[in-house]
Amino acid sequence: MNMIPEIVTERLNLRGFVRKDAKDVFNYTSDTEVLLHTTGKTPNSIDDSLKFVDSLLANPPGAYAWAIRLKTAPQVIGAVEFGLGDGKTGSIHYALAKKLWNRGLMTEACKAVLDWAFLSHPDLERVTTSALTVNKGSNRVMEKCGMEFQKTIKEKWDKFDQPVTIDVYSINRKQWERSR
């Protein structure tokens, strides 16, 4: 199991998940819009959210997941996941409670995780992520984190009947250093 370091930003506290977070995860992900543009499915029960949290706690080497909380409140309001991949190319993914969209919170969380990733893993050369093309908010988060658009691809996701169109973004170490 990976040790998930606590990361504190101006407005947020990011820490590793614990099982009791399942209720909070259920509360923010039961809004169908939160996971609409992700591979995740809206949970039907707290037990569904507990299975998700348990999957994060059983993280394989190189997989990290942070529960996002406002410094001013104890509830978990989102998640940021980072995968180290082959050690040279990592990935980042995220979700946030809808009531907190458009406040720069996810950008703040993702920038902090990117900083941690590049500082903690000296061999890391690049971090990539992707979002559905129609998910303009998520694409904007990537851009505000210094990530650059790479390409548009089509993929088949189990949750959708038809292939989806995805925008792929990345940031390399030199771009990250310049953006700091």
C-alpha atoms as a PDB file:
ATOM      1  CA  MET A   1       0.000   0.000   0.000  1.00  0.00           C
ATOM      2  CA  ASN A   2       1.256   3.492  -0.842  1.00  0.00           C
ATOM      3  CA  MET A   3       1.470   6.095   1.864  1.00  0.00           C
ATOM      4  CA  ILE A   4      -0.717   8.996   0.798  1.00  0.00           C
ATOM      5  CA  PRO A   5       0.897  12.218   1.990  1.00  0.00           C
ATOM      6  CA  GLU A   6      -1.294  15.006   3.264  1.00  0.00           C
ATOM      7  CA  ILE A   7      -1.255  18.035   0.966  1.00  0.00           C
ATOM      8  CA  VAL A   8      -2.470  21.390   2.234  1.00  0.00           C
ATOM      9  CA  THR A   9      -3.265  24.305  -0.086  1.00  0.00           C
ATOM     10  CA  GLU A  10      -4.700  27.746   0.520  1.00  0.00           C
ATOM     11  CA  ARG A  11      -8.286  26.450   0.767  1.00  0.00           C
ATOM     12  CA  LEU A  12      -8.009  22.673   0.758  1.00  0.00           C
ATOM     13  CA  ASN A  13      -6.793  19.684   2.718  1.00  0.00           C
ATOM     14  CA  LEU A  14      -6.004  16.596   0.646  1.00  0.00           C
ATOM     15  CA  ARG A  15      -5.489  13.343   2.549  1.00  0.00           C
ATOM     16  CA  GLY A  16      -5.729   9.636   1.939  1.00  0.00           C
ATOM     17  CA  PHE A  17      -9.172   8.083   1.960  1.00  0.00           C
ATOM     18  CA  VAL A  18     -10.560   6.159   4.935  1.00  0.00           C
ATOM     19  CA  ARG A  19     -13.573   3.846   4.924  1.00  0.00           C
ATOM     20  CA  LYS A  20     -15.770   6.325   6.811  1.00  0.00           C
ATOM     21  CA  ASP A  21     -15.468   8.672   3.800  1.00  0.00           C
ATOM     22  CA  ALA A  22     -17.927   6.446   1.889  1.00  0.00           C
ATOM     23  CA  LYS A  23     -20.941   8.444   3.111  1.00  0.00           C
ATOM     24  CA  ASP A  24     -19.430  11.730   1.914  1.00  0.00           C
ATOM     25  CA  VAL A  25     -18.424  10.139  -1.399  1.00  0.00           C
ATOM     26  CA  PHE A  26     -21.985   8.918  -1.836  1.00  0.00           C
ATOM     27  CA  ASN A  27     -23.335  12.375  -1.021  1.00  0.00           C
ATOM     28  CA  TYR A  28     -21.359  14.159  -3.724  1.00  0.00           C
ATOM     29  CA  THR A  29     -21.402  11.413  -6.382  1.00  0.00           C
ATOM     30  CA  SER A  30     -25.107  10.665  -6.134  1.00  0.00           C
ATOM     31  CA  ASP A  31     -25.650  13.866  -8.136  1.00  0.00           C
ATOM     32  CA  THR A  32     -25.758  12.314 -11.623  1.00  0.00           C
ATOM     33  CA  GLU A  33     -23.860  15.252 -13.157  1.00  0.00           C
ATOM     34  CA  VAL A  34     -20.716  14.638 -11.059  1.00  0.00           C
ATOM     35  CA  LEU A  35     -19.764  11.361 -12.763  1.00  0.00           C
ATOM     36  CA  LEU A  36     -21.661  11.952 -16.015  1.00  0.00           C
ATOM     37  CA  HIS A  37     -18.512  12.603 -18.067  1.00  0.00           C
ATOM     38  CA  THR A  38     -16.303  10.009 -16.365  1.00  0.00           C
ATOM     39  CA  THR A  39     -15.890   6.247 -16.549  1.00  0.00           C
ATOM     40  CA  GLY A  40     -17.465   6.050 -13.078  1.00  0.00           C
ATOM     41  CA  LYS A  41     -21.105   5.201 -12.512  1.00  0.00           C
ATOM     42  CA  THR A  42     -23.404   7.075 -10.153  1.00  0.00           C
ATOM     43  CA  PRO A  43     -23.672   4.988  -6.966  1.00  0.00           C
ATOM     44  CA  ASN A  44     -27.018   3.562  -5.908  1.00  0.00           C
ATOM     45  CA  SER A  45     -26.075   3.212  -2.243  1.00  0.00           C
ATOM     46  CA  ILE A  46     -23.444   4.040   0.348  1.00  0.00           C
ATOM     47  CA  ASP A  47     -22.286   0.431  -0.085  1.00  0.00           C
ATOM     48  CA  ASP A  48     -21.434   1.225  -3.737  1.00  0.00           C
ATOM     49  CA  SER A  49     -19.351   4.159  -2.513  1.00  0.00           C
ATOM     50  CA  LEU A  50     -17.707   1.972   0.120  1.00  0.00           C
ATOM     51  CA  LYS A  51     -16.621  -0.440  -2.625  1.00  0.00           C
ATOM     52  CA  PHE A  52     -15.067   2.516  -4.464  1.00  0.00           C
ATOM     53  CA  VAL A  53     -13.250   3.703  -1.320  1.00  0.00           C
ATOM     54  CA  ASP A  54     -12.055   0.152  -0.632  1.00  0.00           C
ATOM     55  CA  SER A  55     -10.660  -0.035  -4.174  1.00  0.00           C
ATOM     56  CA  LEU A  56      -8.683   3.149  -3.489  1.00  0.00           C
ATOM     57  CA  LEU A  57      -7.394   1.754  -0.190  1.00  0.00           C
ATOM     58  CA  ALA A  58      -6.155  -1.379  -1.970  1.00  0.00           C
ATOM     59  CA  ASN A  59      -4.058   0.817  -4.230  1.00  0.00           C
ATOM     60  CA  PRO A  60      -1.346  -0.960  -6.184  1.00  0.00           C
ATOM     61  CA  PRO A  61       2.206   0.406  -6.187  1.00  0.00           C
ATOM     62  CA  GLY A  62       2.296   3.758  -7.956  1.00  0.00           C
ATOM     63  CA  ALA A  63      -1.409   4.554  -7.398  1.00  0.00           C
ATOM     64  CA  TYR A  64      -2.368   7.432  -5.110  1.00  0.00           C
ATOM     65  CA  ALA A  65      -5.785   8.860  -4.223  1.00  0.00           C
ATOM     66  CA  TRP A  66      -6.600  11.909  -2.143  1.00  0.00           C
ATOM     67  CA  ALA A  67      -9.886  12.825  -0.494  1.00  0.00           C
ATOM     68  CA  ILE A  68     -10.465  16.550  -0.980  1.00  0.00           C
ATOM     69  CA  ARG A  69     -11.844  18.599   1.907  1.00  0.00           C
ATOM     70  CA  LEU A  70     -12.304  22.312   2.379  1.00  0.00           C
ATOM     71  CA  LYS A  71     -10.159  23.527   5.276  1.00  0.00           C
ATOM     72  CA  THR A  72     -13.334  24.970   6.776  1.00  0.00           C
ATOM     73  CA  ALA A  73     -15.411  21.747   6.728  1.00  0.00           C
ATOM     74  CA  PRO A  74     -14.834  18.075   7.573  1.00  0.00           C
ATOM     75  CA  GLN A  75     -16.773  16.546   4.637  1.00  0.00           C
ATOM     76  CA  VAL A  76     -15.041  14.991   1.653  1.00  0.00           C
ATOM     77  CA  ILE A  77     -16.073  16.985  -1.428  1.00  0.00           C
ATOM     78  CA  GLY A  78     -14.061  15.289  -4.152  1.00  0.00           C
ATOM     79  CA  ALA A  79     -11.153  13.111  -5.153  1.00  0.00           C
ATOM     80  CA  VAL A  80      -7.882  13.377  -7.043  1.00  0.00           C
ATOM     81  CA  GLU A  81      -6.158  10.218  -8.239  1.00  0.00           C
ATOM     82  CA  PHE A  82      -2.597  10.027  -9.514  1.00  0.00           C
ATOM     83  CA  GLY A  83      -1.059   6.990 -11.180  1.00  0.00           C
ATOM     84  CA  LEU A  84       2.705   6.751 -11.602  1.00  0.00           C
ATOM     85  CA  GLY A  85       2.378   4.440 -14.579  1.00  0.00           C
ATOM     86  CA  ASP A  86       5.774   3.316 -15.840  1.00  0.00           C
ATOM     87  CA  GLY A  87       7.555   5.831 -13.602  1.00  0.00           C
ATOM     88  CA  LYS A  88       8.180   8.217 -16.478  1.00  0.00           C
ATOM     89  CA  THR A  89       4.587   8.972 -17.525  1.00  0.00           C
ATOM     90  CA  GLY A  90       1.910   9.446 -14.878  1.00  0.00           C
ATOM     91  CA  SER A  91      -1.790  10.252 -15.046  1.00  0.00           C
ATOM     92  CA  ILE A  92      -4.201  12.353 -13.024  1.00  0.00           C
ATOM     93  CA  HIS A  93      -8.001  12.110 -12.674  1.00  0.00           C
ATOM     94  CA  TYR A  94     -10.509  13.942 -10.517  1.00  0.00           C
ATOM     95  CA  ALA A  95     -14.104  14.598  -9.470  1.00  0.00           C
ATOM     96  CA  LEU A  96     -15.699  17.307  -7.339  1.00  0.00           C
ATOM     97  CA  ALA A  97     -19.093  17.949  -5.768  1.00  0.00           C
ATOM     98  CA  LYS A  98     -21.207  19.916  -8.244  1.00  0.00           C
ATOM     99  CA  LYS A  99     -22.117  22.630  -5.726  1.00  0.00           C
ATOM    100  CA  LEU A 100     -18.415  23.582  -5.671  1.00  0.00           C
ATOM    101  CA  TRP A 101     -17.778  23.717  -9.414  1.00  0.00           C
ATOM    102  CA  ASN A 102     -16.441  26.921 -10.993  1.00  0.00           C
ATOM    103  CA  ARG A 103     -14.587  28.127  -7.891  1.00  0.00           C
ATOM    104  CA  GLY A 104     -11.070  27.055  -8.890  1.00  0.00           C
ATOM    105  CA  LEU A 105     -10.986  24.330  -6.226  1.00  0.00           C
ATOM    106  CA  MET A 106     -10.213  21.457  -8.576  1.00  0.00           C
ATOM    107  CA  THR A 107      -7.493  23.478 -10.279  1.00  0.00           C
ATOM    108  CA  GLU A 108      -5.996  24.177  -6.837  1.00  0.00           C
ATOM    109  CA  ALA A 109      -6.118  20.477  -5.918  1.00  0.00           C
ATOM    110  CA  CYS A 110      -4.696  19.268  -9.234  1.00  0.00           C
ATOM    111  CA  LYS A 111      -1.847  21.799  -9.208  1.00  0.00           C
ATOM    112  CA  ALA A 112      -0.921  20.639  -5.708  1.00  0.00           C
ATOM    113  CA  VAL A 113      -0.924  16.978  -6.766  1.00  0.00           C
ATOM    114  CA  LEU A 114       1.119  17.777  -9.893  1.00  0.00           C
ATOM    115  CA  ASP A 115       3.645  19.626  -7.715  1.00  0.00           C
ATOM    116  CA  TRP A 116       3.806  16.656  -5.355  1.00  0.00           C
ATOM    117  CA  ALA A 117       4.183  14.205  -8.260  1.00  0.00           C
ATOM    118  CA  PHE A 118       7.033  16.013  -9.985  1.00  0.00           C
ATOM    119  CA  LEU A 119       8.830  16.800  -6.704  1.00  0.00           C
ATOM    120  CA  SER A 120       8.423  13.290  -5.254  1.00  0.00           C
ATOM    121  CA  HIS A 121       9.247  11.314  -8.391  1.00  0.00           C
ATOM    122  CA  PRO A 122      12.457  12.600 -10.009  1.00  0.00           C
ATOM    123  CA  ASP A 123      12.161  10.192 -12.949  1.00  0.00           C
ATOM    124  CA  LEU A 124       8.658  11.442 -13.812  1.00  0.00           C
ATOM    125  CA  GLU A 125       8.860  13.116 -17.214  1.00  0.00           C
ATOM    126  CA  ARG A 126       5.209  13.715 -18.096  1.00  0.00           C
ATOM    127  CA  VAL A 127       1.682  13.615 -16.661  1.00  0.00           C
ATOM    128  CA  THR A 128      -1.302  13.016 -18.911  1.00  0.00           C
ATOM    129  CA  THR A 129      -5.046  13.030 -18.509  1.00  0.00           C
ATOM    130  CA  SER A 130      -8.107  13.153 -20.659  1.00  0.00           C
ATOM    131  CA  ALA A 131     -11.724  14.238 -20.531  1.00  0.00           C
ATOM    132  CA  LEU A 132     -14.708  13.977 -22.787  1.00  0.00           C
ATOM    133  CA  THR A 133     -14.588  16.770 -25.346  1.00  0.00           C
ATOM    134  CA  VAL A 134     -18.001  17.959 -24.146  1.00  0.00           C
ATOM    135  CA  ASN A 135     -16.677  18.321 -20.580  1.00  0.00           C
ATOM    136  CA  LYS A 136     -15.481  21.903 -20.989  1.00  0.00           C
ATOM    137  CA  GLY A 137     -15.063  22.433 -17.233  1.00  0.00           C
ATOM    138  CA  SER A 138     -12.636  19.541 -16.881  1.00  0.00           C
ATOM    139  CA  ASN A 139     -10.720  20.599 -19.983  1.00  0.00           C
ATOM    140  CA  ARG A 140     -10.434  24.091 -18.491  1.00  0.00           C
ATOM    141  CA  VAL A 141      -8.999  22.646 -15.242  1.00  0.00           C
ATOM    142  CA  MET A 142      -6.287  20.896 -17.263  1.00  0.00           C
ATOM    143  CA  GLU A 143      -5.425  24.093 -19.117  1.00  0.00           C
ATOM    144  CA  LYS A 144      -5.264  26.141 -15.894  1.00  0.00           C
ATOM    145  CA  CYS A 145      -2.868  23.524 -14.496  1.00  0.00           C
ATOM    146  CA  GLY A 146      -0.502  24.185 -17.395  1.00  0.00           C
ATOM    147  CA  MET A 147      -1.428  21.070 -19.346  1.00  0.00           C
ATOM    148  CA  GLU A 148      -1.515  21.347 -23.117  1.00  0.00           C
ATOM    149  CA  PHE A 149      -3.959  19.775 -25.538  1.00  0.00           C
ATOM    150  CA  GLN A 150      -2.357  16.853 -27.409  1.00  0.00           C
ATOM    151  CA  LYS A 151      -5.069  15.186 -29.476  1.00  0.00           C
ATOM    152  CA  THR A 152      -8.663  14.055 -29.718  1.00  0.00           C
ATOM    153  CA  ILE A 153      -9.413  10.330 -29.722  1.00  0.00           C
ATOM    154  CA  LYS A 154     -12.422   8.035 -29.658  1.00  0.00           C
ATOM    155  CA  GLU A 155     -12.788   5.293 -27.060  1.00  0.00           C
ATOM    156  CA  LYS A 156     -15.426   2.790 -26.082  1.00  0.00           C
ATOM    157  CA  TRP A 157     -16.450   3.123 -22.426  1.00  0.00           C
ATOM    158  CA  ASP A 158     -18.574   0.398 -20.835  1.00  0.00           C
ATOM    159  CA  LYS A 159     -21.031   2.931 -19.443  1.00  0.00           C
ATOM    160  CA  PHE A 160     -21.974   4.335 -22.865  1.00  0.00           C
ATOM    161  CA  ASP A 161     -23.508   2.540 -25.855  1.00  0.00           C
ATOM    162  CA  GLN A 162     -21.506   4.543 -28.391  1.00  0.00           C
ATOM    163  CA  PRO A 163     -17.795   5.462 -28.476  1.00  0.00           C
ATOM    164  CA  VAL A 164     -16.953   8.755 -26.772  1.00  0.00           C
ATOM    165  CA  THR A 165     -14.767  11.601 -28.028  1.00  0.00           C
ATOM    166  CA  ILE A 166     -11.950  12.461 -25.632  1.00  0.00           C
ATOM    167  CA  ASP A 167      -9.455  15.318 -25.483  1.00  0.00           C
ATOM    168  CA  VAL A 168      -6.002  14.281 -24.239  1.00  0.00           C
ATOM    169  CA  TYR A 169      -3.806  16.761 -22.348  1.00  0.00           C
ATOM    170  CA  SER A 170      -0.323  16.525 -20.858  1.00  0.00           C
ATOM    171  CA  ILE A 171       2.366  18.479 -19.078  1.00  0.00           C
ATOM    172  CA  ASN A 172       6.039  17.574 -19.086  1.00  0.00           C
ATOM    173  CA  ARG A 173       8.582  18.355 -16.398  1.00  0.00           C
ATOM    174  CA  LYS A 174       9.977  21.414 -18.193  1.00  0.00           C
ATOM    175  CA  GLN A 175       6.491  22.877 -18.722  1.00  0.00           C
ATOM    176  CA  TRP A 176       5.681  22.234 -15.065  1.00  0.00           C
ATOM    177  CA  GLU A 177       8.927  23.927 -13.934  1.00  0.00           C
ATOM    178  CA  ARG A 178       8.116  26.987 -16.077  1.00  0.00           C
ATOM    179  CA  SER A 179       4.567  27.181 -14.702  1.00  0.00           C
ATOM    180  CA  ARG A 180       5.734  27.286 -11.082  1.00  0.00           C
END
